[in-house]
Amino acid sequence: MNLPNKLTVIRMVLTPVFLVVFLAPFIPYHFFIGLAIYVIGCITDFLDGKIARKYNLITTFGKLADPVADKMLTTAALLALMDAGYCSIYIVFIVLTREFAVTSVRLAASAQGVVIPANIWGKLKTVSQMVSTILIMLLIALTEHGIIKGEFPLGIISSALLWITALLAVISGIIYIKDGVKQIDFNK
């Protein structure tokens, strides 16, 4: 197994660890520790693709597993924020619906030997989702430990950032599906 694939597997393993730690109030500083685990997962996402492209280590496993690992990690973050009261179930629904729709198109295309590359909107959605969730988790941790005091509009900030992510999810999903259906033979 090459390095990019190992990083993808590490991200998959880190995802449930992140979720358990972030949601475990009996662990001291669980928000900070969970955030650190999540950031490491996000870094593996950045590194695996960069290394795979730079050193021509692109594999079928990587093409299929990398997007799954990304969705596992980012979905876990949304679920953690929803549990903490800082993410609407509607945002989770929008993002997950987009992910299932895009994955369905990706699988149908793959079965026909067609690879539909990610578009810039999908990359913007992923970056927006990761940056937003990191920022929100950091603000939760700082607020929870009394570092941020007084009236702080964490709910408003969280909602605004995550609705931007949801909007990017819809835009990127529509573009991906529109481009994808042109390349798939639905009679097969």
C-alpha atoms as a PDB file:
ATOM      1  CA  MET A   1       0.000   0.000   0.000  1.00  0.00           C
ATOM      2  CA  ASN A   2       1.491   3.338  -1.033  1.00  0.00           C
ATOM      3  CA  LEU A   3       1.709   6.443   1.182  1.00  0.00           C
ATOM      4  CA  PRO A   4      -1.357   8.276  -0.185  1.00  0.00           C
ATOM      5  CA  ASN A   5      -3.496   5.175   0.401  1.00  0.00           C
ATOM      6  CA  LYS A   6      -2.093   4.813   3.916  1.00  0.00           C
ATOM      7  CA  LEU A   7      -3.055   8.429   4.608  1.00  0.00           C
ATOM      8  CA  THR A   8      -6.573   7.715   3.346  1.00  0.00           C
ATOM      9  CA  VAL A   9      -6.866   4.700   5.658  1.00  0.00           C
ATOM     10  CA  ILE A  10      -5.506   6.770   8.565  1.00  0.00           C
ATOM     11  CA  ARG A  11      -8.242   9.347   7.893  1.00  0.00           C
ATOM     12  CA  MET A  12     -10.856   6.587   7.975  1.00  0.00           C
ATOM     13  CA  VAL A  13      -9.519   5.323  11.299  1.00  0.00           C
ATOM     14  CA  LEU A  14      -9.253   8.826  12.785  1.00  0.00           C
ATOM     15  CA  THR A  15     -12.875   9.657  11.965  1.00  0.00           C
ATOM     16  CA  PRO A  16     -14.609   7.552  14.652  1.00  0.00           C
ATOM     17  CA  VAL A  17     -11.860   8.435  17.132  1.00  0.00           C
ATOM     18  CA  PHE A  18     -12.521  12.134  16.500  1.00  0.00           C
ATOM     19  CA  LEU A  19     -16.269  11.713  16.941  1.00  0.00           C
ATOM     20  CA  VAL A  20     -15.986   9.731  20.180  1.00  0.00           C
ATOM     21  CA  VAL A  21     -13.484  12.145  21.713  1.00  0.00           C
ATOM     22  CA  PHE A  22     -15.338  15.298  20.644  1.00  0.00           C
ATOM     23  CA  LEU A  23     -18.600  13.973  22.093  1.00  0.00           C
ATOM     24  CA  ALA A  24     -17.074  12.651  25.352  1.00  0.00           C
ATOM     25  CA  PRO A  25     -17.527  15.299  28.079  1.00  0.00           C
ATOM     26  CA  PHE A  26     -15.782  13.077  30.637  1.00  0.00           C
ATOM     27  CA  ILE A  27     -12.487  13.503  28.732  1.00  0.00           C
ATOM     28  CA  PRO A  28     -10.762  16.701  29.879  1.00  0.00           C
ATOM     29  CA  TYR A  29     -10.408  19.194  27.027  1.00  0.00           C
ATOM     30  CA  HIS A  30     -12.354  16.857  24.721  1.00  0.00           C
ATOM     31  CA  PHE A  31     -13.273  19.690  22.358  1.00  0.00           C
ATOM     32  CA  PHE A  32      -9.620  20.679  21.891  1.00  0.00           C
ATOM     33  CA  ILE A  33      -8.444  17.067  21.528  1.00  0.00           C
ATOM     34  CA  GLY A  34     -11.266  16.264  19.104  1.00  0.00           C
ATOM     35  CA  LEU A  35     -10.420  19.370  17.103  1.00  0.00           C
ATOM     36  CA  ALA A  36      -6.749  18.320  16.923  1.00  0.00           C
ATOM     37  CA  ILE A  37      -7.722  14.861  15.657  1.00  0.00           C
ATOM     38  CA  TYR A  38     -10.049  16.408  13.079  1.00  0.00           C
ATOM     39  CA  VAL A  39      -7.331  18.806  11.847  1.00  0.00           C
ATOM     40  CA  ILE A  40      -4.936  15.875  11.450  1.00  0.00           C
ATOM     41  CA  GLY A  41      -7.613  14.113   9.390  1.00  0.00           C
ATOM     42  CA  CYS A  42      -8.019  17.218   7.211  1.00  0.00           C
ATOM     43  CA  ILE A  43      -4.264  17.421   6.709  1.00  0.00           C
ATOM     44  CA  THR A  44      -4.172  13.783   5.545  1.00  0.00           C
ATOM     45  CA  ASP A  45      -6.814  14.700   2.965  1.00  0.00           C
ATOM     46  CA  PHE A  46      -4.650  17.498   1.616  1.00  0.00           C
ATOM     47  CA  LEU A  47      -1.474  15.397   1.642  1.00  0.00           C
ATOM     48  CA  ASP A  48      -2.755  12.170   0.106  1.00  0.00           C
ATOM     49  CA  GLY A  49      -3.962  13.826  -3.088  1.00  0.00           C
ATOM     50  CA  LYS A  50      -0.925  16.065  -3.395  1.00  0.00           C
ATOM     51  CA  ILE A  51       1.506  13.154  -2.937  1.00  0.00           C
ATOM     52  CA  ALA A  52      -0.466  10.853  -5.260  1.00  0.00           C
ATOM     53  CA  ARG A  53      -0.454  13.415  -8.070  1.00  0.00           C
ATOM     54  CA  LYS A  54       3.138  14.574  -7.593  1.00  0.00           C
ATOM     55  CA  TYR A  55       4.647  11.078  -7.538  1.00  0.00           C
ATOM     56  CA  ASN A  56       2.128   9.417  -9.873  1.00  0.00           C
ATOM     57  CA  LEU A  57       0.847   7.136  -7.104  1.00  0.00           C
ATOM     58  CA  ILE A  58      -2.792   7.307  -8.184  1.00  0.00           C
ATOM     59  CA  THR A  59      -4.524   3.957  -7.659  1.00  0.00           C
ATOM     60  CA  THR A  60      -8.022   2.578  -8.103  1.00  0.00           C
ATOM     61  CA  PHE A  61      -8.230   2.153  -4.326  1.00  0.00           C
ATOM     62  CA  GLY A  62      -7.281   5.791  -3.842  1.00  0.00           C
ATOM     63  CA  LYS A  63      -9.778   7.025  -6.422  1.00  0.00           C
ATOM     64  CA  LEU A  64     -12.580   5.179  -4.641  1.00  0.00           C
ATOM     65  CA  ALA A  65     -11.510   5.318  -0.995  1.00  0.00           C
ATOM     66  CA  ASP A  66     -10.307   8.931  -0.804  1.00  0.00           C
ATOM     67  CA  PRO A  67     -13.738  10.494  -1.443  1.00  0.00           C
ATOM     68  CA  VAL A  68     -15.312   8.018   1.001  1.00  0.00           C
ATOM     69  CA  ALA A  69     -12.766   8.937   3.681  1.00  0.00           C
ATOM     70  CA  ASP A  70     -13.447  12.635   3.058  1.00  0.00           C
ATOM     71  CA  LYS A  71     -17.179  12.140   3.431  1.00  0.00           C
ATOM     72  CA  MET A  72     -16.713  10.080   6.587  1.00  0.00           C
ATOM     73  CA  LEU A  73     -14.628  12.809   8.199  1.00  0.00           C
ATOM     74  CA  THR A  74     -16.705  15.800   7.144  1.00  0.00           C
ATOM     75  CA  THR A  75     -19.991  14.060   7.974  1.00  0.00           C
ATOM     76  CA  ALA A  76     -18.672  13.143  11.410  1.00  0.00           C
ATOM     77  CA  ALA A  77     -17.846  16.815  11.980  1.00  0.00           C
ATOM     78  CA  LEU A  78     -21.348  17.914  10.983  1.00  0.00           C
ATOM     79  CA  LEU A  79     -22.861  15.274  13.262  1.00  0.00           C
ATOM     80  CA  ALA A  80     -20.638  16.399  16.140  1.00  0.00           C
ATOM     81  CA  LEU A  81     -21.687  20.016  15.598  1.00  0.00           C
ATOM     82  CA  MET A  82     -25.326  18.985  15.337  1.00  0.00           C
ATOM     83  CA  ASP A  83     -25.014  17.109  18.649  1.00  0.00           C
ATOM     84  CA  ALA A  84     -23.431  20.206  20.208  1.00  0.00           C
ATOM     85  CA  GLY A  85     -26.350  22.311  18.942  1.00  0.00           C
ATOM     86  CA  TYR A  86     -24.425  24.287  16.335  1.00  0.00           C
ATOM     87  CA  CYS A  87     -25.538  22.657  13.094  1.00  0.00           C
ATOM     88  CA  SER A  88     -29.025  22.405  11.674  1.00  0.00           C
ATOM     89  CA  ILE A  89     -30.303  18.985  10.662  1.00  0.00           C
ATOM     90  CA  TYR A  90     -31.289  20.618   7.366  1.00  0.00           C
ATOM     91  CA  ILE A  91     -27.647  21.421   6.622  1.00  0.00           C
ATOM     92  CA  VAL A  92     -26.667  17.823   7.369  1.00  0.00           C
ATOM     93  CA  PHE A  93     -29.485  16.608   5.116  1.00  0.00           C
ATOM     94  CA  ILE A  94     -28.484  18.906   2.241  1.00  0.00           C
ATOM     95  CA  VAL A  95     -24.816  17.940   2.435  1.00  0.00           C
ATOM     96  CA  LEU A  96     -25.530  14.204   2.761  1.00  0.00           C
ATOM     97  CA  THR A  97     -28.048  14.261  -0.088  1.00  0.00           C
ATOM     98  CA  ARG A  98     -25.417  15.894  -2.287  1.00  0.00           C
ATOM     99  CA  GLU A  99     -22.827  13.312  -1.240  1.00  0.00           C
ATOM    100  CA  PHE A 100     -25.121  10.352  -1.978  1.00  0.00           C
ATOM    101  CA  ALA A 101     -26.174  11.798  -5.333  1.00  0.00           C
ATOM    102  CA  VAL A 102     -22.600  12.536  -6.426  1.00  0.00           C
ATOM    103  CA  THR A 103     -21.392   9.145  -5.207  1.00  0.00           C
ATOM    104  CA  SER A 104     -24.173   7.424  -7.168  1.00  0.00           C
ATOM    105  CA  VAL A 105     -23.132   9.215 -10.356  1.00  0.00           C
ATOM    106  CA  ARG A 106     -19.472   8.507  -9.626  1.00  0.00           C
ATOM    107  CA  LEU A 107     -20.182   4.764  -9.131  1.00  0.00           C
ATOM    108  CA  ALA A 108     -22.345   4.525 -12.266  1.00  0.00           C
ATOM    109  CA  ALA A 109     -19.626   6.230 -14.298  1.00  0.00           C
ATOM    110  CA  SER A 110     -16.905   4.081 -12.759  1.00  0.00           C
ATOM    111  CA  ALA A 111     -18.804   0.902 -13.642  1.00  0.00           C
ATOM    112  CA  GLN A 112     -18.671   2.052 -17.265  1.00  0.00           C
ATOM    113  CA  GLY A 113     -14.966   2.891 -17.086  1.00  0.00           C
ATOM    114  CA  VAL A 114     -15.565   6.644 -16.946  1.00  0.00           C
ATOM    115  CA  VAL A 115     -13.868   8.843 -14.374  1.00  0.00           C
ATOM    116  CA  ILE A 116     -15.586  12.147 -13.704  1.00  0.00           C
ATOM    117  CA  PRO A 117     -13.069  14.463 -12.074  1.00  0.00           C
ATOM    118  CA  ALA A 118     -14.015  16.655  -9.143  1.00  0.00           C
ATOM    119  CA  ASN A 119     -14.860  20.176 -10.188  1.00  0.00           C
ATOM    120  CA  ILE A 120     -13.663  23.397  -8.579  1.00  0.00           C
ATOM    121  CA  TRP A 121     -17.042  23.806  -6.862  1.00  0.00           C
ATOM    122  CA  GLY A 122     -16.666  20.430  -5.141  1.00  0.00           C
ATOM    123  CA  LYS A 123     -13.209  21.400  -3.950  1.00  0.00           C
ATOM    124  CA  LEU A 124     -14.545  24.745  -2.698  1.00  0.00           C
ATOM    125  CA  LYS A 125     -17.323  22.897  -0.872  1.00  0.00           C
ATOM    126  CA  THR A 126     -14.849  20.567   0.828  1.00  0.00           C
ATOM    127  CA  VAL A 127     -12.494  23.395   1.799  1.00  0.00           C
ATOM    128  CA  SER A 128     -15.414  25.489   3.043  1.00  0.00           C
ATOM    129  CA  GLN A 129     -16.759  22.573   5.053  1.00  0.00           C
ATOM    130  CA  MET A 130     -13.408  21.735   6.622  1.00  0.00           C
ATOM    131  CA  VAL A 131     -12.440  25.343   7.393  1.00  0.00           C
ATOM    132  CA  SER A 132     -15.909  26.162   8.750  1.00  0.00           C
ATOM    133  CA  THR A 133     -16.066  23.116  10.982  1.00  0.00           C
ATOM    134  CA  ILE A 134     -12.538  23.707  12.277  1.00  0.00           C
ATOM    135  CA  LEU A 135     -13.363  27.325  13.112  1.00  0.00           C
ATOM    136  CA  ILE A 136     -16.669  26.400  14.772  1.00  0.00           C
ATOM    137  CA  MET A 137     -15.072  23.602  16.811  1.00  0.00           C
ATOM    138  CA  LEU A 138     -12.326  25.982  17.913  1.00  0.00           C
ATOM    139  CA  LEU A 139     -14.883  28.590  18.964  1.00  0.00           C
ATOM    140  CA  ILE A 140     -16.870  25.936  20.860  1.00  0.00           C
ATOM    141  CA  ALA A 141     -13.715  24.825  22.691  1.00  0.00           C
ATOM    142  CA  LEU A 142     -12.697  28.403  23.517  1.00  0.00           C
ATOM    143  CA  THR A 143     -16.200  29.225  24.751  1.00  0.00           C
ATOM    144  CA  GLU A 144     -16.567  25.999  26.729  1.00  0.00           C
ATOM    145  CA  HIS A 145     -13.306  26.626  28.581  1.00  0.00           C
ATOM    146  CA  GLY A 146     -14.112  30.263  29.322  1.00  0.00           C
ATOM    147  CA  ILE A 147     -11.466  31.726  27.032  1.00  0.00           C
ATOM    148  CA  ILE A 148     -14.205  33.550  25.116  1.00  0.00           C
ATOM    149  CA  LYS A 149     -16.453  35.269  27.622  1.00  0.00           C
ATOM    150  CA  GLY A 150     -19.646  37.247  27.510  1.00  0.00           C
ATOM    151  CA  GLU A 151     -22.166  37.367  24.731  1.00  0.00           C
ATOM    152  CA  PHE A 152     -20.561  35.726  21.712  1.00  0.00           C
ATOM    153  CA  PRO A 153     -22.715  34.986  18.635  1.00  0.00           C
ATOM    154  CA  LEU A 154     -21.385  31.448  18.132  1.00  0.00           C
ATOM    155  CA  GLY A 155     -24.762  30.168  16.924  1.00  0.00           C
ATOM    156  CA  ILE A 156     -25.053  32.923  14.311  1.00  0.00           C
ATOM    157  CA  ILE A 157     -21.462  32.443  13.130  1.00  0.00           C
ATOM    158  CA  SER A 158     -21.914  28.679  12.964  1.00  0.00           C
ATOM    159  CA  SER A 159     -25.173  28.940  11.028  1.00  0.00           C
ATOM    160  CA  ALA A 160     -23.746  31.425   8.531  1.00  0.00           C
ATOM    161  CA  LEU A 161     -20.618  29.368   7.844  1.00  0.00           C
ATOM    162  CA  LEU A 162     -22.479  26.091   7.519  1.00  0.00           C
ATOM    163  CA  TRP A 163     -25.205  27.522   5.275  1.00  0.00           C
ATOM    164  CA  ILE A 164     -22.445  28.742   2.951  1.00  0.00           C
ATOM    165  CA  THR A 165     -21.131  25.169   2.907  1.00  0.00           C
ATOM    166  CA  ALA A 166     -24.644  23.852   2.196  1.00  0.00           C
ATOM    167  CA  LEU A 167     -25.027  26.301  -0.685  1.00  0.00           C
ATOM    168  CA  LEU A 168     -21.687  25.213  -2.143  1.00  0.00           C
ATOM    169  CA  ALA A 169     -22.786  21.592  -1.712  1.00  0.00           C
ATOM    170  CA  VAL A 170     -25.907  22.236  -3.775  1.00  0.00           C
ATOM    171  CA  ILE A 171     -24.040  24.156  -6.499  1.00  0.00           C
ATOM    172  CA  SER A 172     -21.220  21.613  -6.766  1.00  0.00           C
ATOM    173  CA  GLY A 173     -23.658  18.709  -6.697  1.00  0.00           C
ATOM    174  CA  ILE A 174     -25.804  20.114  -9.494  1.00  0.00           C
ATOM    175  CA  ILE A 175     -22.755  20.814 -11.673  1.00  0.00           C
ATOM    176  CA  TYR A 176     -21.224  17.391 -10.982  1.00  0.00           C
ATOM    177  CA  ILE A 177     -24.452  15.530 -11.724  1.00  0.00           C
ATOM    178  CA  LYS A 178     -25.162  17.628 -14.840  1.00  0.00           C
ATOM    179  CA  ASP A 179     -21.668  16.872 -16.186  1.00  0.00           C
ATOM    180  CA  GLY A 180     -21.827  13.256 -15.055  1.00  0.00           C
ATOM    181  CA  VAL A 181     -25.097  12.282 -16.692  1.00  0.00           C
ATOM    182  CA  LYS A 182     -23.705  13.412 -20.053  1.00  0.00           C
ATOM    183  CA  GLN A 183     -20.986  10.763 -19.742  1.00  0.00           C
ATOM    184  CA  ILE A 184     -23.064   7.814 -18.521  1.00  0.00           C
ATOM    185  CA  ASP A 185     -24.960   5.438 -20.764  1.00  0.00           C
ATOM    186  CA  PHE A 186     -28.194   4.848 -18.822  1.00  0.00           C
ATOM    187  CA  ASN A 187     -29.148   1.965 -21.115  1.00  0.00           C
ATOM    188  CA  LYS A 188     -26.369  -0.248 -19.758  1.00  0.00           C
END
